[in-house]
N, C-alpha and C. Protein backbone atom coordinates (compact mmCIF):
# COMPACT_ATOMS: atom_id res chain seq x y z
N MET A 1 -2.05 42.99 -7.39
CA MET A 1 -2.53 41.91 -6.56
C MET A 1 -3.84 42.38 -5.89
N ASP A 2 -4.88 41.58 -6.05
CA ASP A 2 -6.20 41.91 -5.50
C ASP A 2 -6.29 41.34 -4.08
N LEU A 3 -6.37 42.24 -3.10
CA LEU A 3 -6.38 41.83 -1.70
C LEU A 3 -7.60 40.99 -1.35
N SER A 4 -8.75 41.33 -1.94
CA SER A 4 -9.97 40.56 -1.63
C SER A 4 -9.85 39.13 -2.15
N LYS A 5 -9.23 38.95 -3.30
CA LYS A 5 -9.03 37.59 -3.83
C LYS A 5 -8.06 36.82 -2.94
N LEU A 6 -7.03 37.51 -2.48
CA LEU A 6 -6.05 36.88 -1.61
C LEU A 6 -6.70 36.44 -0.29
N MET A 7 -7.53 37.31 0.29
CA MET A 7 -8.23 36.97 1.53
C MET A 7 -9.20 35.80 1.31
N GLY A 8 -9.89 35.82 0.19
CA GLY A 8 -10.81 34.71 -0.13
C GLY A 8 -10.07 33.40 -0.27
N ALA A 9 -8.91 33.46 -0.93
CA ALA A 9 -8.09 32.25 -1.10
C ALA A 9 -7.58 31.75 0.25
N ALA A 10 -7.20 32.68 1.13
CA ALA A 10 -6.71 32.30 2.46
C ALA A 10 -7.83 31.64 3.27
N GLN A 11 -9.04 32.16 3.18
CA GLN A 11 -10.17 31.58 3.91
C GLN A 11 -10.50 30.19 3.37
N ALA A 12 -10.46 30.05 2.05
CA ALA A 12 -10.72 28.74 1.44
C ALA A 12 -9.65 27.74 1.88
N MET A 13 -8.41 28.19 1.92
CA MET A 13 -7.31 27.33 2.34
C MET A 13 -7.50 26.91 3.80
N GLN A 14 -7.90 27.85 4.66
CA GLN A 14 -8.11 27.53 6.07
C GLN A 14 -9.21 26.49 6.23
N ALA A 15 -10.30 26.63 5.48
CA ALA A 15 -11.39 25.65 5.54
C ALA A 15 -10.89 24.29 5.08
N LYS A 16 -10.09 24.27 4.03
CA LYS A 16 -9.56 23.01 3.51
C LYS A 16 -8.61 22.37 4.52
N ILE A 17 -7.82 23.19 5.21
CA ILE A 17 -6.90 22.67 6.22
C ILE A 17 -7.69 22.03 7.36
N GLU A 18 -8.75 22.68 7.81
CA GLU A 18 -9.58 22.12 8.88
C GLU A 18 -10.19 20.79 8.45
N GLU A 19 -10.68 20.75 7.23
CA GLU A 19 -11.27 19.52 6.69
C GLU A 19 -10.21 18.41 6.64
N THR A 20 -9.01 18.77 6.23
CA THR A 20 -7.93 17.80 6.12
C THR A 20 -7.48 17.32 7.50
N LYS A 21 -7.44 18.22 8.49
CA LYS A 21 -7.08 17.82 9.85
C LYS A 21 -8.07 16.78 10.37
N ASN A 22 -9.35 16.97 10.08
CA ASN A 22 -10.35 16.00 10.50
C ASN A 22 -10.15 14.66 9.78
N LYS A 23 -9.82 14.74 8.50
CA LYS A 23 -9.58 13.53 7.72
C LYS A 23 -8.36 12.78 8.27
N VAL A 24 -7.31 13.53 8.61
CA VAL A 24 -6.10 12.93 9.16
C VAL A 24 -6.39 12.24 10.49
N ALA A 25 -7.21 12.86 11.32
CA ALA A 25 -7.54 12.26 12.62
C ALA A 25 -8.25 10.93 12.44
N ASP A 26 -8.94 10.76 11.31
CA ASP A 26 -9.65 9.51 11.05
C ASP A 26 -8.78 8.46 10.36
N LEU A 27 -7.57 8.84 9.95
CA LEU A 27 -6.67 7.87 9.30
C LEU A 27 -6.30 6.77 10.28
N ARG A 28 -6.15 5.57 9.76
CA ARG A 28 -5.70 4.44 10.56
C ARG A 28 -4.63 3.70 9.77
N VAL A 29 -3.49 3.47 10.40
CA VAL A 29 -2.42 2.70 9.78
C VAL A 29 -2.00 1.61 10.75
N SER A 30 -1.32 0.61 10.23
CA SER A 30 -0.87 -0.50 11.07
C SER A 30 0.64 -0.63 10.92
N GLY A 31 1.34 -0.57 12.05
CA GLY A 31 2.78 -0.80 12.05
C GLY A 31 3.04 -2.21 12.54
N SER A 32 4.15 -2.77 12.12
CA SER A 32 4.45 -4.14 12.56
C SER A 32 5.94 -4.31 12.81
N ALA A 33 6.24 -5.37 13.55
CA ALA A 33 7.63 -5.73 13.86
C ALA A 33 7.69 -7.24 14.04
N GLY A 34 8.89 -7.77 13.89
CA GLY A 34 9.08 -9.21 14.09
C GLY A 34 8.29 -10.03 13.09
N ALA A 35 8.32 -9.62 11.81
CA ALA A 35 7.60 -10.33 10.75
C ALA A 35 6.11 -10.44 11.06
N GLY A 36 5.57 -9.39 11.68
CA GLY A 36 4.14 -9.36 11.96
C GLY A 36 3.73 -9.98 13.28
N LEU A 37 4.69 -10.40 14.09
CA LEU A 37 4.34 -10.99 15.38
C LEU A 37 3.78 -9.95 16.35
N VAL A 38 4.18 -8.70 16.17
CA VAL A 38 3.63 -7.59 16.96
C VAL A 38 3.14 -6.53 15.98
N THR A 39 1.89 -6.12 16.15
CA THR A 39 1.34 -5.06 15.31
C THR A 39 0.73 -3.97 16.19
N ALA A 40 0.79 -2.75 15.68
CA ALA A 40 0.21 -1.61 16.39
C ALA A 40 -0.64 -0.83 15.41
N ASP A 41 -1.91 -0.62 15.74
CA ASP A 41 -2.79 0.22 14.94
C ASP A 41 -2.67 1.64 15.49
N VAL A 42 -2.39 2.58 14.60
CA VAL A 42 -2.11 3.95 15.01
C VAL A 42 -3.01 4.91 14.23
N ALA A 43 -3.53 5.93 14.93
CA ALA A 43 -4.35 6.96 14.30
C ALA A 43 -3.44 7.95 13.58
N GLY A 44 -4.03 8.73 12.69
CA GLY A 44 -3.27 9.71 11.92
C GLY A 44 -2.54 10.72 12.78
N ASP A 45 -3.03 10.96 13.99
CA ASP A 45 -2.36 11.92 14.87
C ASP A 45 -1.31 11.24 15.76
N GLY A 46 -1.04 9.95 15.53
CA GLY A 46 0.01 9.24 16.26
C GLY A 46 -0.44 8.46 17.47
N ARG A 47 -1.72 8.54 17.83
CA ARG A 47 -2.21 7.79 18.99
C ARG A 47 -2.22 6.30 18.69
N VAL A 48 -1.72 5.49 19.62
CA VAL A 48 -1.77 4.04 19.48
C VAL A 48 -3.17 3.59 19.88
N LEU A 49 -3.86 2.94 18.95
CA LEU A 49 -5.24 2.54 19.17
C LEU A 49 -5.37 1.09 19.62
N ARG A 50 -4.47 0.26 19.13
CA ARG A 50 -4.57 -1.17 19.42
C ARG A 50 -3.19 -1.79 19.27
N LEU A 51 -2.91 -2.77 20.11
CA LEU A 51 -1.66 -3.50 20.06
C LEU A 51 -1.99 -4.98 20.02
N ASN A 52 -1.37 -5.72 19.11
CA ASN A 52 -1.62 -7.15 19.00
C ASN A 52 -0.28 -7.88 19.08
N ILE A 53 -0.20 -8.83 19.99
CA ILE A 53 1.02 -9.62 20.17
C ILE A 53 0.68 -11.08 19.93
N ASP A 54 1.39 -11.71 19.01
CA ASP A 54 1.17 -13.12 18.71
C ASP A 54 1.45 -13.96 19.96
N ALA A 55 0.58 -14.89 20.24
CA ALA A 55 0.68 -15.73 21.45
C ALA A 55 1.99 -16.51 21.51
N SER A 56 2.60 -16.79 20.37
CA SER A 56 3.84 -17.57 20.37
C SER A 56 4.98 -16.84 21.07
N LEU A 57 4.83 -15.56 21.31
CA LEU A 57 5.90 -14.79 21.95
C LEU A 57 5.86 -14.83 23.48
N PHE A 58 4.81 -15.38 24.04
CA PHE A 58 4.65 -15.33 25.49
C PHE A 58 5.46 -16.41 26.20
N LYS A 59 6.74 -16.18 26.27
CA LYS A 59 7.66 -17.04 27.00
C LYS A 59 8.51 -16.12 27.87
N PRO A 60 8.66 -16.42 29.14
CA PRO A 60 9.41 -15.52 30.03
C PRO A 60 10.79 -15.13 29.50
N GLU A 61 11.46 -16.06 28.86
CA GLU A 61 12.81 -15.77 28.37
C GLU A 61 12.80 -14.82 27.16
N GLU A 62 11.64 -14.56 26.60
CA GLU A 62 11.50 -13.68 25.43
C GLU A 62 11.04 -12.27 25.82
N LYS A 63 10.99 -11.95 27.12
CA LYS A 63 10.46 -10.68 27.60
C LYS A 63 11.10 -9.47 26.90
N GLU A 64 12.43 -9.42 26.85
CA GLU A 64 13.10 -8.28 26.24
C GLU A 64 12.82 -8.20 24.75
N VAL A 65 12.75 -9.33 24.08
CA VAL A 65 12.44 -9.35 22.65
C VAL A 65 11.04 -8.78 22.42
N ILE A 66 10.09 -9.20 23.23
CA ILE A 66 8.71 -8.70 23.10
C ILE A 66 8.68 -7.19 23.31
N GLU A 67 9.36 -6.71 24.33
CA GLU A 67 9.38 -5.27 24.61
C GLU A 67 9.96 -4.50 23.42
N ASP A 68 11.04 -5.01 22.85
CA ASP A 68 11.65 -4.36 21.70
C ASP A 68 10.71 -4.36 20.49
N LEU A 69 10.02 -5.48 20.29
CA LEU A 69 9.09 -5.58 19.16
C LEU A 69 7.91 -4.63 19.33
N ILE A 70 7.43 -4.47 20.56
CA ILE A 70 6.33 -3.55 20.81
C ILE A 70 6.75 -2.12 20.46
N VAL A 71 7.90 -1.72 20.94
CA VAL A 71 8.40 -0.38 20.64
C VAL A 71 8.58 -0.20 19.13
N ALA A 72 9.13 -1.20 18.47
CA ALA A 72 9.35 -1.11 17.02
C ALA A 72 8.03 -1.03 16.25
N ALA A 73 7.03 -1.80 16.66
CA ALA A 73 5.74 -1.77 15.97
C ALA A 73 5.05 -0.42 16.16
N ILE A 74 5.11 0.12 17.36
CA ILE A 74 4.51 1.44 17.62
C ILE A 74 5.23 2.51 16.81
N ALA A 75 6.55 2.47 16.80
CA ALA A 75 7.32 3.46 16.04
C ALA A 75 6.99 3.36 14.55
N ASP A 76 6.86 2.14 14.03
CA ASP A 76 6.52 1.94 12.63
C ASP A 76 5.14 2.51 12.33
N GLY A 77 4.18 2.26 13.21
CA GLY A 77 2.84 2.79 13.02
C GLY A 77 2.81 4.31 13.09
N GLN A 78 3.54 4.89 14.02
CA GLN A 78 3.58 6.34 14.13
C GLN A 78 4.26 6.98 12.92
N ARG A 79 5.31 6.35 12.41
CA ARG A 79 5.98 6.85 11.20
C ARG A 79 5.02 6.84 10.02
N LYS A 80 4.28 5.74 9.87
CA LYS A 80 3.32 5.65 8.78
C LYS A 80 2.20 6.67 8.94
N ALA A 81 1.76 6.90 10.16
CA ALA A 81 0.71 7.89 10.41
C ALA A 81 1.21 9.29 10.05
N THR A 82 2.45 9.59 10.40
CA THR A 82 3.03 10.89 10.06
C THR A 82 3.13 11.06 8.55
N GLU A 83 3.57 10.03 7.86
CA GLU A 83 3.68 10.09 6.40
C GLU A 83 2.31 10.30 5.76
N ALA A 84 1.30 9.57 6.24
CA ALA A 84 -0.05 9.71 5.69
C ALA A 84 -0.60 11.10 5.96
N SER A 85 -0.35 11.62 7.15
CA SER A 85 -0.81 12.96 7.51
C SER A 85 -0.15 14.01 6.63
N GLN A 86 1.15 13.89 6.43
CA GLN A 86 1.87 14.84 5.58
C GLN A 86 1.40 14.76 4.13
N ALA A 87 1.08 13.57 3.66
CA ALA A 87 0.58 13.42 2.29
C ALA A 87 -0.77 14.11 2.13
N GLU A 88 -1.64 14.00 3.14
CA GLU A 88 -2.94 14.66 3.08
C GLU A 88 -2.78 16.18 3.10
N MET A 89 -1.90 16.68 3.94
CA MET A 89 -1.68 18.13 4.00
C MET A 89 -1.04 18.64 2.71
N ALA A 90 -0.18 17.83 2.10
CA ALA A 90 0.45 18.24 0.85
C ALA A 90 -0.58 18.44 -0.24
N LYS A 91 -1.66 17.66 -0.21
CA LYS A 91 -2.72 17.83 -1.19
C LYS A 91 -3.37 19.21 -1.05
N VAL A 92 -3.50 19.68 0.19
CA VAL A 92 -4.12 20.98 0.44
C VAL A 92 -3.22 22.11 -0.01
N THR A 93 -1.93 21.97 0.25
CA THR A 93 -1.00 23.07 -0.04
C THR A 93 -0.34 22.95 -1.41
N ALA A 94 -0.75 21.99 -2.22
CA ALA A 94 -0.16 21.81 -3.55
C ALA A 94 -0.24 23.10 -4.34
N GLY A 95 0.88 23.50 -4.87
CA GLY A 95 0.91 24.71 -5.68
C GLY A 95 1.09 25.98 -4.87
N MET A 96 1.01 25.89 -3.56
CA MET A 96 1.18 27.07 -2.72
C MET A 96 2.65 27.19 -2.36
N PRO A 97 3.29 28.30 -2.69
CA PRO A 97 4.72 28.44 -2.43
C PRO A 97 5.00 28.68 -0.95
N LEU A 98 5.34 27.62 -0.23
CA LEU A 98 5.68 27.72 1.18
C LEU A 98 7.20 27.67 1.32
N PRO A 99 7.75 28.42 2.27
CA PRO A 99 9.18 28.34 2.51
C PRO A 99 9.59 26.93 2.92
N PRO A 100 10.78 26.50 2.57
CA PRO A 100 11.26 25.16 2.94
C PRO A 100 11.16 24.94 4.45
N GLY A 101 10.65 23.80 4.84
CA GLY A 101 10.53 23.45 6.25
C GLY A 101 9.29 23.97 6.93
N MET A 102 8.53 24.82 6.26
CA MET A 102 7.31 25.35 6.86
C MET A 102 6.22 24.29 6.79
N LYS A 103 5.54 24.08 7.91
CA LYS A 103 4.50 23.06 7.96
C LYS A 103 3.17 23.69 8.28
N LEU A 104 2.14 23.17 7.68
CA LEU A 104 0.77 23.59 7.97
C LEU A 104 0.05 22.43 8.63
N PRO A 105 -0.88 22.63 9.54
CA PRO A 105 -1.23 23.92 10.09
C PRO A 105 -0.13 24.41 11.01
N PHE A 106 -0.08 25.70 11.25
CA PHE A 106 0.99 26.34 12.01
C PHE A 106 1.01 25.90 13.43
């Protein structure tokens, strides 16, 4: 095993991980709930960027339903952001034998 090749590969991997982290931060996904009555735009890192609530929901008696839909839309957006982020990182680590459950970046 050539140590210099291994170090070079590790440095290249680190650069690729940094590039991918930046790409992930720029990802945008949209989560929804209530057949699209509530939507949440979420960044790749899980930050909620925008929330849209259909005007038809604005009735005092629907308050709890709206609150539940907001939480569901945000959770859906965050789940999608996590999946997209993991897919991008998987591209970087493809072929690299990582122990089960190990995530990059550390």
